[in-house]
C-alpha atoms as a PDB file:
ATOM      1  CA  UNK A   1      -0.075  -0.129   0.234  1.00  0.00           C
ATOM      2  CA  UNK A   2       2.508   2.379   0.899  1.00  0.00           C
ATOM      3  CA  UNK A   3       4.587   1.517  -2.193  1.00  0.00           C
ATOM      4  CA  UNK A   4       1.482   2.464  -4.086  1.00  0.00           C
ATOM      5  CA  UNK A   5       0.968   6.003  -2.663  1.00  0.00           C
ATOM      6  CA  UNK A   6       4.493   6.542  -3.335  1.00  0.00           C
ATOM      7  CA  UNK A   7       3.731   5.809  -7.052  1.00  0.00           C
ATOM      8  CA  UNK A   8       1.002   8.140  -7.276  1.00  0.00           C
ATOM      9  CA  UNK A   9       2.835  10.741  -5.682  1.00  0.00           C
ATOM     10  CA  UNK A  10       5.265  10.412  -7.840  1.00  0.00           C
ATOM     11  CA  UNK A  11       3.481  10.612 -11.015  1.00  0.00           C
ATOM     12  CA  UNK A  12       1.649  13.736  -9.536  1.00  0.00           C
ATOM     13  CA  UNK A  13       5.500  14.948  -9.037  1.00  0.00           C
ATOM     14  CA  UNK A  14       6.230  14.134 -12.749  1.00  0.00           C
ATOM     15  CA  UNK A  15       2.990  15.350 -14.119  1.00  0.00           C
ATOM     16  CA  UNK A  16       3.772  18.955 -11.820  1.00  0.00           C
ATOM     17  CA  UNK A  17       7.448  19.449 -13.006  1.00  0.00           C
ATOM     18  CA  UNK A  18       5.667  19.092 -16.857  1.00  0.00           C
ATOM     19  CA  UNK A  19       3.499  21.069 -16.235  1.00  0.00           C
ATOM     20  CA  UNK A  20       5.879  23.671 -14.808  1.00  0.00           C
ATOM     21  CA  UNK A  21       8.214  23.279 -17.552  1.00  0.00           C
ATOM     22  CA  UNK A  22       5.290  23.843 -20.203  1.00  0.00           C
ATOM     23  CA  UNK A  23       4.455  27.464 -18.289  1.00  0.00           C
ATOM     24  CA  UNK A  24       8.184  28.310 -18.067  1.00  0.00           C
ATOM     25  CA  UNK A  25       8.288  27.501 -22.204  1.00  0.00           C
ATOM     26  CA  UNK A  26       5.198  29.693 -23.058  1.00  0.00           C
ATOM     27  CA  UNK A  27       6.353  32.048 -20.446  1.00  0.00           C
ATOM     28  CA  UNK A  28       9.924  32.485 -22.490  1.00  0.00           C
ATOM     29  CA  UNK A  29       8.198  32.507 -25.622  1.00  0.00           C
ATOM     30  CA  UNK A  30       5.906  35.306 -24.325  1.00  0.00           C
ATOM     31  CA  UNK A  31       8.155  37.148 -23.402  1.00  0.00           C
ATOM     32  CA  UNK A  32      10.725  36.607 -26.345  1.00  0.00           C
ATOM     33  CA  UNK A  33       7.540  37.478 -28.512  1.00  0.00           C
ATOM     34  CA  UNK A  34       7.115  40.873 -25.868  1.00  0.00           C
ATOM     35  CA  UNK A  35      10.804  41.849 -26.657  1.00  0.00           C
ATOM     36  CA  UNK A  36      10.493  41.541 -30.356  1.00  0.00           C
ATOM     37  CA  UNK A  37       7.181  43.654 -30.380  1.00  0.00           C
ATOM     38  CA  UNK A  38       9.369  46.349 -28.023  1.00  0.00           C
ATOM     39  CA  UNK A  39      12.516  46.672 -30.296  1.00  0.00           C
ATOM     40  CA  UNK A  40      10.225  46.961 -33.298  1.00  0.00           C
ATOM     41  CA  UNK A  41       8.303  49.720 -32.196  1.00  0.00           C
ATOM     42  CA  UNK A  42      11.598  51.629 -30.855  1.00  0.00           C
ATOM     43  CA  UNK A  43      12.962  50.837 -34.372  1.00  0.00           C
ATOM     44  CA  UNK A  44       9.719  52.360 -35.787  1.00  0.00           C
ATOM     45  CA  UNK A  45      10.010  55.866 -33.642  1.00  0.00           C
ATOM     46  CA  UNK A  46      13.873  55.994 -34.168  1.00  0.00           C
ATOM     47  CA  UNK A  47      13.078  55.606 -38.157  1.00  0.00           C
ATOM     48  CA  UNK A  48      10.025  57.904 -37.389  1.00  0.00           C
ATOM     49  CA  UNK A  49      12.622  60.856 -35.872  1.00  0.00           C
ATOM     50  CA  UNK A  50      15.374  60.277 -38.570  1.00  0.00           C
ATOM     51  CA  UNK A  51      12.415  60.757 -41.316  1.00  0.00           C
ATOM     52  CA  UNK A  52      10.955  63.881 -39.510  1.00  0.00           C
ATOM     53  CA  UNK A  53      14.501  64.797 -39.876  1.00  0.00           C
ATOM     54  CA  UNK A  54      15.271  64.553 -43.175  1.00  0.00           C
ATOM     55  CA  UNK A  55      12.208  66.321 -44.313  1.00  0.00           C
ATOM     56  CA  UNK A  56      14.150  68.906 -41.443  1.00  0.00           C
ATOM     57  CA  UNK A  57      17.194  69.258 -43.591  1.00  0.00           C
ATOM     58  CA  UNK A  58      15.236  69.022 -47.208  1.00  0.00           C
ATOM     59  CA  UNK A  59      13.407  72.590 -46.248  1.00  0.00           C
ATOM     60  CA  UNK A  60      16.678  73.831 -44.392  1.00  0.00           C
ATOM     61  CA  UNK A  61      18.690  73.294 -47.725  1.00  0.00           C
ATOM     62  CA  UNK A  62      15.773  74.328 -50.150  1.00  0.00           C
ATOM     63  CA  UNK A  63      15.275  78.002 -48.074  1.00  0.00           C
ATOM     64  CA  UNK A  64      19.343  78.173 -48.344  1.00  0.00           C
ATOM     65  CA  UNK A  65      19.362  77.971 -52.037  1.00  0.00           C
ATOM     66  CA  UNK A  66      17.446  80.973 -52.172  1.00  0.00           C
ATOM     67  CA  UNK A  67      16.527  81.410 -56.140  1.00  0.00           C
ATOM     68  CA  UNK A  68      19.321  79.032 -57.295  1.00  0.00           C
ATOM     69  CA  UNK A  69      17.386  76.213 -59.074  1.00  0.00           C
ATOM     70  CA  UNK A  70      16.735  73.037 -57.707  1.00  0.00           C
ATOM     71  CA  UNK A  71      19.163  70.869 -59.787  1.00  0.00           C
ATOM     72  CA  UNK A  72      18.409  67.185 -57.652  1.00  0.00           C
ATOM     73  CA  UNK A  73      20.486  66.914 -54.866  1.00  0.00           C
ATOM     74  CA  UNK A  74      20.806  64.738 -51.835  1.00  0.00           C
ATOM     75  CA  UNK A  75      20.860  65.610 -48.505  1.00  0.00           C
ATOM     76  CA  UNK A  76      22.172  63.091 -45.923  1.00  0.00           C
ATOM     77  CA  UNK A  77      21.714  63.220 -41.519  1.00  0.00           C
ATOM     78  CA  UNK A  78      23.650  60.481 -39.800  1.00  0.00           C
ATOM     79  CA  UNK A  79      22.681  60.142 -35.822  1.00  0.00           C
ATOM     80  CA  UNK A  80      24.174  57.648 -33.571  1.00  0.00           C
ATOM     81  CA  UNK A  81      21.147  54.947 -34.630  1.00  0.00           C
ATOM     82  CA  UNK A  82      20.741  55.481 -37.776  1.00  0.00           C
ATOM     83  CA  UNK A  83      21.006  57.377 -41.244  1.00  0.00           C
ATOM     84  CA  UNK A  84      18.494  58.619 -43.438  1.00  0.00           C
ATOM     85  CA  UNK A  85      18.777  59.868 -47.174  1.00  0.00           C
ATOM     86  CA  UNK A  86      16.478  62.415 -48.309  1.00  0.00           C
ATOM     87  CA  UNK A  87      16.750  62.808 -52.688  1.00  0.00           C
ATOM     88  CA  UNK A  88      15.594  66.313 -53.794  1.00  0.00           C
ATOM     89  CA  UNK A  89      13.955  67.310 -56.679  1.00  0.00           C
ATOM     90  CA  UNK A  90      11.607  70.266 -58.244  1.00  0.00           C
ATOM     91  CA  UNK A  91       8.337  69.633 -59.074  1.00  0.00           C
ATOM     92  CA  UNK A  92       8.192  72.106 -61.468  1.00  0.00           C
ATOM     93  CA  UNK A  93      10.813  69.900 -63.648  1.00  0.00           C
ATOM     94  CA  UNK A  94       8.444  67.290 -64.116  1.00  0.00           C
ATOM     95  CA  UNK A  95       4.933  67.230 -66.475  1.00  0.00           C
ATOM     96  CA  UNK A  96       1.821  68.540 -65.063  1.00  0.00           C
ATOM     97  CA  UNK A  97      -1.003  65.751 -66.031  1.00  0.00           C
ATOM     98  CA  UNK A  98      -3.237  68.580 -65.369  1.00  0.00           C
ATOM     99  CA  UNK A  99      -2.028  71.114 -67.337  1.00  0.00           C
ATOM    100  CA  UNK A 100       0.353  70.091 -69.770  1.00  0.00           C
ATOM    101  CA  UNK A 101      -1.051  70.202 -73.683  1.00  0.00           C
ATOM    102  CA  UNK A 102      -2.633  67.125 -75.466  1.00  0.00           C
ATOM    103  CA  UNK A 103       0.723  66.620 -77.856  1.00  0.00           C
ATOM    104  CA  UNK A 104       2.953  66.485 -74.517  1.00  0.00           C
ATOM    105  CA  UNK A 105       0.942  64.070 -73.034  1.00  0.00           C
ATOM    106  CA  UNK A 106       1.069  61.744 -76.065  1.00  0.00           C
ATOM    107  CA  UNK A 107       4.845  62.525 -76.315  1.00  0.00           C
ATOM    108  CA  UNK A 108       4.863  60.952 -72.660  1.00  0.00           C
ATOM    109  CA  UNK A 109       3.210  58.304 -73.433  1.00  0.00           C
ATOM    110  CA  UNK A 110       5.150  57.145 -76.116  1.00  0.00           C
ATOM    111  CA  UNK A 111       8.366  58.210 -73.519  1.00  0.00           C
ATOM    112  CA  UNK A 112       7.224  54.788 -71.559  1.00  0.00           C
ATOM    113  CA  UNK A 113       6.739  52.450 -74.572  1.00  0.00           C
ATOM    114  CA  UNK A 114       3.104  53.255 -75.126  1.00  0.00           C
ATOM    115  CA  UNK A 115       2.419  52.146 -78.832  1.00  0.00           C
ATOM    116  CA  UNK A 116       1.383  55.463 -80.919  1.00  0.00           C
ATOM    117  CA  UNK A 117      -2.125  55.186 -81.692  1.00  0.00           C
ATOM    118  CA  UNK A 118      -2.810  54.296 -78.215  1.00  0.00           C
ATOM    119  CA  UNK A 119      -0.576  57.313 -76.695  1.00  0.00           C
ATOM    120  CA  UNK A 120      -2.821  59.699 -78.705  1.00  0.00           C
ATOM    121  CA  UNK A 121      -6.418  58.324 -77.661  1.00  0.00           C
ATOM    122  CA  UNK A 122      -5.265  58.459 -74.136  1.00  0.00           C
ATOM    123  CA  UNK A 123      -3.801  61.748 -74.235  1.00  0.00           C
ATOM    124  CA  UNK A 124      -6.703  62.951 -75.554  1.00  0.00           C
ATOM    125  CA  UNK A 125      -8.711  60.914 -72.975  1.00  0.00           C
ATOM    126  CA  UNK A 126      -7.263  63.098 -70.385  1.00  0.00           C
ATOM    127  CA  UNK A 127      -7.245  66.123 -71.554  1.00  0.00           C
ATOM    128  CA  UNK A 128     -11.174  65.743 -72.022  1.00  0.00           C
ATOM    129  CA  UNK A 129     -11.585  63.995 -68.718  1.00  0.00           C
ATOM    130  CA  UNK A 130      -9.465  67.182 -66.742  1.00  0.00           C
ATOM    131  CA  UNK A 131     -11.970  69.780 -68.620  1.00  0.00           C
ATOM    132  CA  UNK A 132     -15.601  70.656 -67.244  1.00  0.00           C
ATOM    133  CA  UNK A 133     -18.600  68.656 -68.814  1.00  0.00           C
ATOM    134  CA  UNK A 134     -19.663  72.073 -70.165  1.00  0.00           C
ATOM    135  CA  UNK A 135     -16.242  73.380 -71.717  1.00  0.00           C
ATOM    136  CA  UNK A 136     -17.098  73.243 -75.965  1.00  0.00           C
ATOM    137  CA  UNK A 137     -13.633  71.245 -76.177  1.00  0.00           C
ATOM    138  CA  UNK A 138     -16.024  68.406 -74.744  1.00  0.00           C
ATOM    139  CA  UNK A 139     -18.417  68.138 -77.557  1.00  0.00           C
ATOM    140  CA  UNK A 140     -17.062  65.503 -79.766  1.00  0.00           C
ATOM    141  CA  UNK A 141     -17.426  63.107 -76.343  1.00  0.00           C
ATOM    142  CA  UNK A 142     -19.986  60.732 -77.320  1.00  0.00           C
ATOM    143  CA  UNK A 143     -20.531  59.327 -73.897  1.00  0.00           C
ATOM    144  CA  UNK A 144     -22.772  61.111 -71.217  1.00  0.00           C
ATOM    145  CA  UNK A 145     -20.738  58.833 -68.575  1.00  0.00           C
ATOM    146  CA  UNK A 146     -17.347  60.566 -69.928  1.00  0.00           C
ATOM    147  CA  UNK A 147     -18.996  63.783 -69.890  1.00  0.00           C
ATOM    148  CA  UNK A 148     -20.334  62.753 -66.276  1.00  0.00           C
ATOM    149  CA  UNK A 149     -16.726  62.054 -65.253  1.00  0.00           C
ATOM    150  CA  UNK A 150     -14.974  65.269 -66.728  1.00  0.00           C
ATOM    151  CA  UNK A 151     -16.794  67.471 -64.150  1.00  0.00           C
ATOM    152  CA  UNK A 152     -15.105  68.305 -61.084  1.00  0.00           C
ATOM    153  CA  UNK A 153     -15.641  70.597 -58.247  1.00  0.00           C
ATOM    154  CA  UNK A 154     -11.595  71.800 -58.198  1.00  0.00           C
ATOM    155  CA  UNK A 155      -8.330  70.806 -59.487  1.00  0.00           C
ATOM    156  CA  UNK A 156      -9.015  68.616 -61.902  1.00  0.00           C
ATOM    157  CA  UNK A 157      -6.198  66.137 -60.648  1.00  0.00           C
ATOM    158  CA  UNK A 158      -4.624  66.344 -56.903  1.00  0.00           C
ATOM    159  CA  UNK A 159      -2.546  63.053 -57.312  1.00  0.00           C
ATOM    160  CA  UNK A 160      -1.375  60.740 -60.060  1.00  0.00           C
ATOM    161  CA  UNK A 161      -3.094  57.836 -58.777  1.00  0.00           C
ATOM    162  CA  UNK A 162      -6.261  59.609 -60.582  1.00  0.00           C
ATOM    163  CA  UNK A 163      -5.422  58.901 -64.118  1.00  0.00           C
ATOM    164  CA  UNK A 164      -7.048  55.240 -63.149  1.00  0.00           C
ATOM    165  CA  UNK A 165     -10.145  56.948 -63.509  1.00  0.00           C
ATOM    166  CA  UNK A 166     -10.135  57.760 -66.717  1.00  0.00           C
ATOM    167  CA  UNK A 167     -11.271  55.571 -69.191  1.00  0.00           C
ATOM    168  CA  UNK A 168      -8.817  53.471 -71.524  1.00  0.00           C
ATOM    169  CA  UNK A 169      -5.852  54.183 -68.627  1.00  0.00           C
ATOM    170  CA  UNK A 170      -4.017  50.973 -67.976  1.00  0.00           C
ATOM    171  CA  UNK A 171      -2.681  50.958 -64.513  1.00  0.00           C
ATOM    172  CA  UNK A 172       0.964  50.186 -65.988  1.00  0.00           C
ATOM    173  CA  UNK A 173       1.142  53.398 -67.940  1.00  0.00           C
ATOM    174  CA  UNK A 174       0.486  55.356 -65.084  1.00  0.00           C
ATOM    175  CA  UNK A 175       3.374  53.629 -62.736  1.00  0.00           C
ATOM    176  CA  UNK A 176       5.200  53.863 -65.641  1.00  0.00           C
ATOM    177  CA  UNK A 177       5.041  58.196 -66.340  1.00  0.00           C
ATOM    178  CA  UNK A 178       4.920  58.276 -62.311  1.00  0.00           C
ATOM    179  CA  UNK A 179       8.488  59.493 -61.703  1.00  0.00           C
ATOM    180  CA  UNK A 180       8.232  62.346 -65.024  1.00  0.00           C
ATOM    181  CA  UNK A 181       4.555  63.570 -63.697  1.00  0.00           C
ATOM    182  CA  UNK A 182       2.987  65.911 -61.468  1.00  0.00           C
ATOM    183  CA  UNK A 183       0.342  67.741 -60.109  1.00  0.00           C
ATOM    184  CA  UNK A 184       1.945  70.716 -59.044  1.00  0.00           C
ATOM    185  CA  UNK A 185       3.329  72.241 -61.773  1.00  0.00           C
ATOM    186  CA  UNK A 186       2.041  74.257 -64.722  1.00  0.00           C
ATOM    187  CA  UNK A 187       1.882  74.481 -68.877  1.00  0.00           C
ATOM    188  CA  UNK A 188       5.347  74.525 -69.264  1.00  0.00           C
ATOM    189  CA  UNK A 189       8.547  72.548 -67.684  1.00  0.00           C
ATOM    190  CA  UNK A 190      11.403  74.298 -66.029  1.00  0.00           C
ATOM    191  CA  UNK A 191      14.455  73.053 -68.754  1.00  0.00           C
ATOM    192  CA  UNK A 192      16.901  74.273 -65.154  1.00  0.00           C
ATOM    193  CA  UNK A 193      15.679  71.304 -62.636  1.00  0.00           C
ATOM    194  CA  UNK A 194      14.024  68.731 -65.068  1.00  0.00           C
ATOM    195  CA  UNK A 195      15.506  65.400 -65.183  1.00  0.00           C
ATOM    196  CA  UNK A 196      16.762  64.291 -68.808  1.00  0.00           C
ATOM    197  CA  UNK A 197      13.551  61.605 -68.942  1.00  0.00           C
ATOM    198  CA  UNK A 198      11.554  64.584 -68.981  1.00  0.00           C
ATOM    199  CA  UNK A 199      13.419  66.282 -71.044  1.00  0.00           C
ATOM    200  CA  UNK A 200      13.156  63.263 -73.454  1.00  0.00           C
ATOM    201  CA  UNK A 201       9.457  62.854 -73.077  1.00  0.00           C
ATOM    202  CA  UNK A 202       8.702  66.451 -74.284  1.00  0.00           C
ATOM    203  CA  UNK A 203       7.805  66.250 -78.599  1.00  0.00           C
ATOM    204  CA  UNK A 204      10.379  66.726 -80.924  1.00  0.00           C
ATOM    205  CA  UNK A 205      13.453  66.093 -78.317  1.00  0.00           C
ATOM    206  CA  UNK A 206      15.662  63.398 -79.868  1.00  0.00           C
ATOM    207  CA  UNK A 207      19.040  61.520 -78.097  1.00  0.00           C
ATOM    208  CA  UNK A 208      21.616  64.317 -79.536  1.00  0.00           C
ATOM    209  CA  UNK A 209      19.609  67.039 -78.887  1.00  0.00           C
ATOM    210  CA  UNK A 210      19.332  65.802 -74.868  1.00  0.00           C
ATOM    211  CA  UNK A 211      22.258  64.910 -74.476  1.00  0.00           C
ATOM    212  CA  UNK A 212      24.128  68.152 -75.878  1.00  0.00           C
ATOM    213  CA  UNK A 213      21.522  70.219 -73.447  1.00  0.00           C
ATOM    214  CA  UNK A 214      22.663  68.191 -70.548  1.00  0.00           C
ATOM    215  CA  UNK A 215      25.910  68.845 -71.241  1.00  0.00           C
ATOM    216  CA  UNK A 216      25.224  72.395 -71.548  1.00  0.00           C
ATOM    217  CA  UNK A 217      22.819  72.840 -68.443  1.00  0.00           C
ATOM    218  CA  UNK A 218      25.810  71.238 -66.272  1.00  0.00           C
ATOM    219  CA  UNK A 219      28.134  74.523 -66.639  1.00  0.00           C
ATOM    220  CA  UNK A 220      24.743  76.513 -65.739  1.00  0.00           C
ATOM    221  CA  UNK A 221      24.705  78.938 -68.302  1.00  0.00           C
ATOM    222  CA  UNK A 222      23.439  82.589 -67.935  1.00  0.00           C
ATOM    223  CA  UNK A 223      20.988  82.736 -71.012  1.00  0.00           C
ATOM    224  CA  UNK A 224      18.395  79.856 -70.268  1.00  0.00           C
ATOM    225  CA  UNK A 225      16.715  80.956 -73.227  1.00  0.00           C
ATOM    226  CA  UNK A 226      19.622  80.306 -75.651  1.00  0.00           C
ATOM    227  CA  UNK A 227      19.703  76.715 -73.839  1.00  0.00           C
ATOM    228  CA  UNK A 228      16.092  75.406 -74.078  1.00  0.00           C
ATOM    229  CA  UNK A 229      16.509  77.105 -77.662  1.00  0.00           C
ATOM    230  CA  UNK A 230      19.092  74.182 -78.394  1.00  0.00           C
ATOM    231  CA  UNK A 231      16.018  71.416 -77.723  1.00  0.00           C
ATOM    232  CA  UNK A 232      14.506  73.379 -81.492  1.00  0.00           C
ATOM    233  CA  UNK A 233      10.786  73.077 -81.258  1.00  0.00           C
ATOM    234  CA  UNK A 234      10.252  71.500 -77.902  1.00  0.00           C
ATOM    235  CA  UNK A 235      11.613  74.992 -76.677  1.00  0.00           C
ATOM    236  CA  UNK A 236       7.575  76.065 -76.646  1.00  0.00           C
ATOM    237  CA  UNK A 237       7.285  73.343 -73.820  1.00  0.00           C
ATOM    238  CA  UNK A 238       9.722  75.130 -71.781  1.00  0.00           C
ATOM    239  CA  UNK A 239       9.862  77.845 -68.912  1.00  0.00           C
ATOM    240  CA  UNK A 240      11.815  79.138 -66.179  1.00  0.00           C
ATOM    241  CA  UNK A 241       9.421  79.542 -63.584  1.00  0.00           C
ATOM    242  CA  UNK A 242      10.659  79.531 -59.880  1.00  0.00           C
ATOM    243  CA  UNK A 243       7.836  76.521 -58.019  1.00  0.00           C
ATOM    244  CA  UNK A 244       7.893  76.417 -54.469  1.00  0.00           C
ATOM    245  CA  UNK A 245       6.935  72.539 -54.774  1.00  0.00           C
ATOM    246  CA  UNK A 246       9.861  69.908 -54.046  1.00  0.00           C
ATOM    247  CA  UNK A 247       9.646  66.410 -54.012  1.00  0.00           C
ATOM    248  CA  UNK A 248      11.628  64.180 -51.056  1.00  0.00           C
ATOM    249  CA  UNK A 249      12.475  60.902 -51.223  1.00  0.00           C
ATOM    250  CA  UNK A 250      13.431  59.781 -48.016  1.00  0.00           C
ATOM    251  CA  UNK A 251      15.958  56.779 -47.353  1.00  0.00           C
ATOM    252  CA  UNK A 252      15.855  55.284 -43.545  1.00  0.00           C
ATOM    253  CA  UNK A 253      18.581  52.483 -42.370  1.00  0.00           C
ATOM    254  CA  UNK A 254      19.365  51.775 -38.448  1.00  0.00           C
ATOM    255  CA  UNK A 255      22.378  50.503 -37.450  1.00  0.00           C
ATOM    256  CA  UNK A 256      20.383  46.769 -36.603  1.00  0.00           C
ATOM    257  CA  UNK A 257      18.878  46.961 -39.721  1.00  0.00           C
ATOM    258  CA  UNK A 258      15.989  48.504 -39.948  1.00  0.00           C
ATOM    259  CA  UNK A 259      14.961  50.291 -42.736  1.00  0.00           C
ATOM    260  CA  UNK A 260      12.171  52.601 -43.660  1.00  0.00           C
ATOM    261  CA  UNK A 261      11.087  55.502 -46.791  1.00  0.00           C
ATOM    262  CA  UNK A 262       9.037  57.567 -47.323  1.00  0.00           C
ATOM    263  CA  UNK A 263       8.145  60.300 -50.056  1.00  0.00           C
ATOM    264  CA  UNK A 264       7.465  63.729 -49.229  1.00  0.00           C
ATOM    265  CA  UNK A 265       6.046  66.831 -51.377  1.00  0.00           C
ATOM    266  CA  UNK A 266       6.813  70.033 -49.394  1.00  0.00           C
ATOM    267  CA  UNK A 267       6.277  73.423 -49.906  1.00  0.00           C
ATOM    268  CA  UNK A 268       8.994  76.329 -48.403  1.00  0.00           C
ATOM    269  CA  UNK A 269       7.709  79.553 -48.224  1.00  0.00           C
ATOM    270  CA  UNK A 270       9.793  82.108 -46.613  1.00  0.00           C
ATOM    271  CA  UNK A 271       7.029  84.426 -46.180  1.00  0.00           C
ATOM    272  CA  UNK A 272       4.725  81.991 -44.047  1.00  0.00           C
ATOM    273  CA  UNK A 273       5.155  81.425 -40.366  1.00  0.00           C
ATOM    274  CA  UNK A 274       5.805  78.044 -40.529  1.00  0.00           C
ATOM    275  CA  UNK A 275       8.885  77.369 -42.337  1.00  0.00           C
ATOM    276  CA  UNK A 276       7.315  74.784 -44.739  1.00  0.00           C
ATOM    277  CA  UNK A 277       4.404  72.664 -45.157  1.00  0.00           C
ATOM    278  CA  UNK A 278       3.535  69.134 -46.350  1.00  0.00           C
ATOM    279  CA  UNK A 279       1.611  68.605 -49.017  1.00  0.00           C
ATOM    280  CA  UNK A 280       1.647  64.910 -49.630  1.00  0.00           C
ATOM    281  CA  UNK A 281       3.184  62.127 -47.401  1.00  0.00           C
ATOM    282  CA  UNK A 282       3.333  58.744 -48.416  1.00  0.00           C
ATOM    283  CA  UNK A 283       5.242  56.373 -45.618  1.00  0.00           C
ATOM    284  CA  UNK A 284       6.450  52.451 -46.737  1.00  0.00           C
ATOM    285  CA  UNK A 285       7.913  50.618 -44.402  1.00  0.00           C
ATOM    286  CA  UNK A 286      10.421  47.192 -44.335  1.00  0.00           C
ATOM    287  CA  UNK A 287      11.451  45.477 -40.902  1.00  0.00           C
ATOM    288  CA  UNK A 288      14.821  44.324 -40.695  1.00  0.00           C
ATOM    289  CA  UNK A 289      14.707  40.524 -40.908  1.00  0.00           C
END
């Protein structure tokens, strides 16, 4: 009888040890998971701080440039826990999808591989969509639905992705032209700040002209009109207009491998109480492996 009792006690003790071991393992996993969450939150806080620092540095750089054209440039901020790189580019140096002439839109789509017939058609569709339905230029639009879509209470486009609402538009076309376009420009493109790809997308510009133009612009000639004349008939789509709007592409890298990126569109107005304003903020994070 005593042996039987000792056996029961032994089994109970073994079960208790197993239970405690399981609880200890569960607690260990829970705490490891909790620690990982804390580490991830810490990384995100530090990354957000660096993103803010990048925008601040970009605004300061733009303000320091004064009237000097913003030809694409990088600004780096390095701190003990990580760094951020801000790539600055002028929105005035891009093609404005809400204001550019039809022939410029057609050339833009051709430059990214859209066949000529489709590029002409889609350019006309964009131009019609951005006009009020009462505009007499829309009288040749056969579909009442298209005329209805062309009615807007405000600006025709507030972001590039709204092009997807235009009849006949394909998502891959919008993605392809996105780096070359803006909604914060004008009817013309600033030749002093436009990337080579934007200049190349204008009607009538060939490889010889674009190469000569870029080489000449690198020397920062005083006569911008003479420089624009190098592009032949495309010069009608160029004008040196100072735009206060800048695109800032941000890339953060922390010491532990965590990375995060964002794109901001900011406007710097020296007469405002605020040093700058953020018009667009598009974050995208990629946690470390």
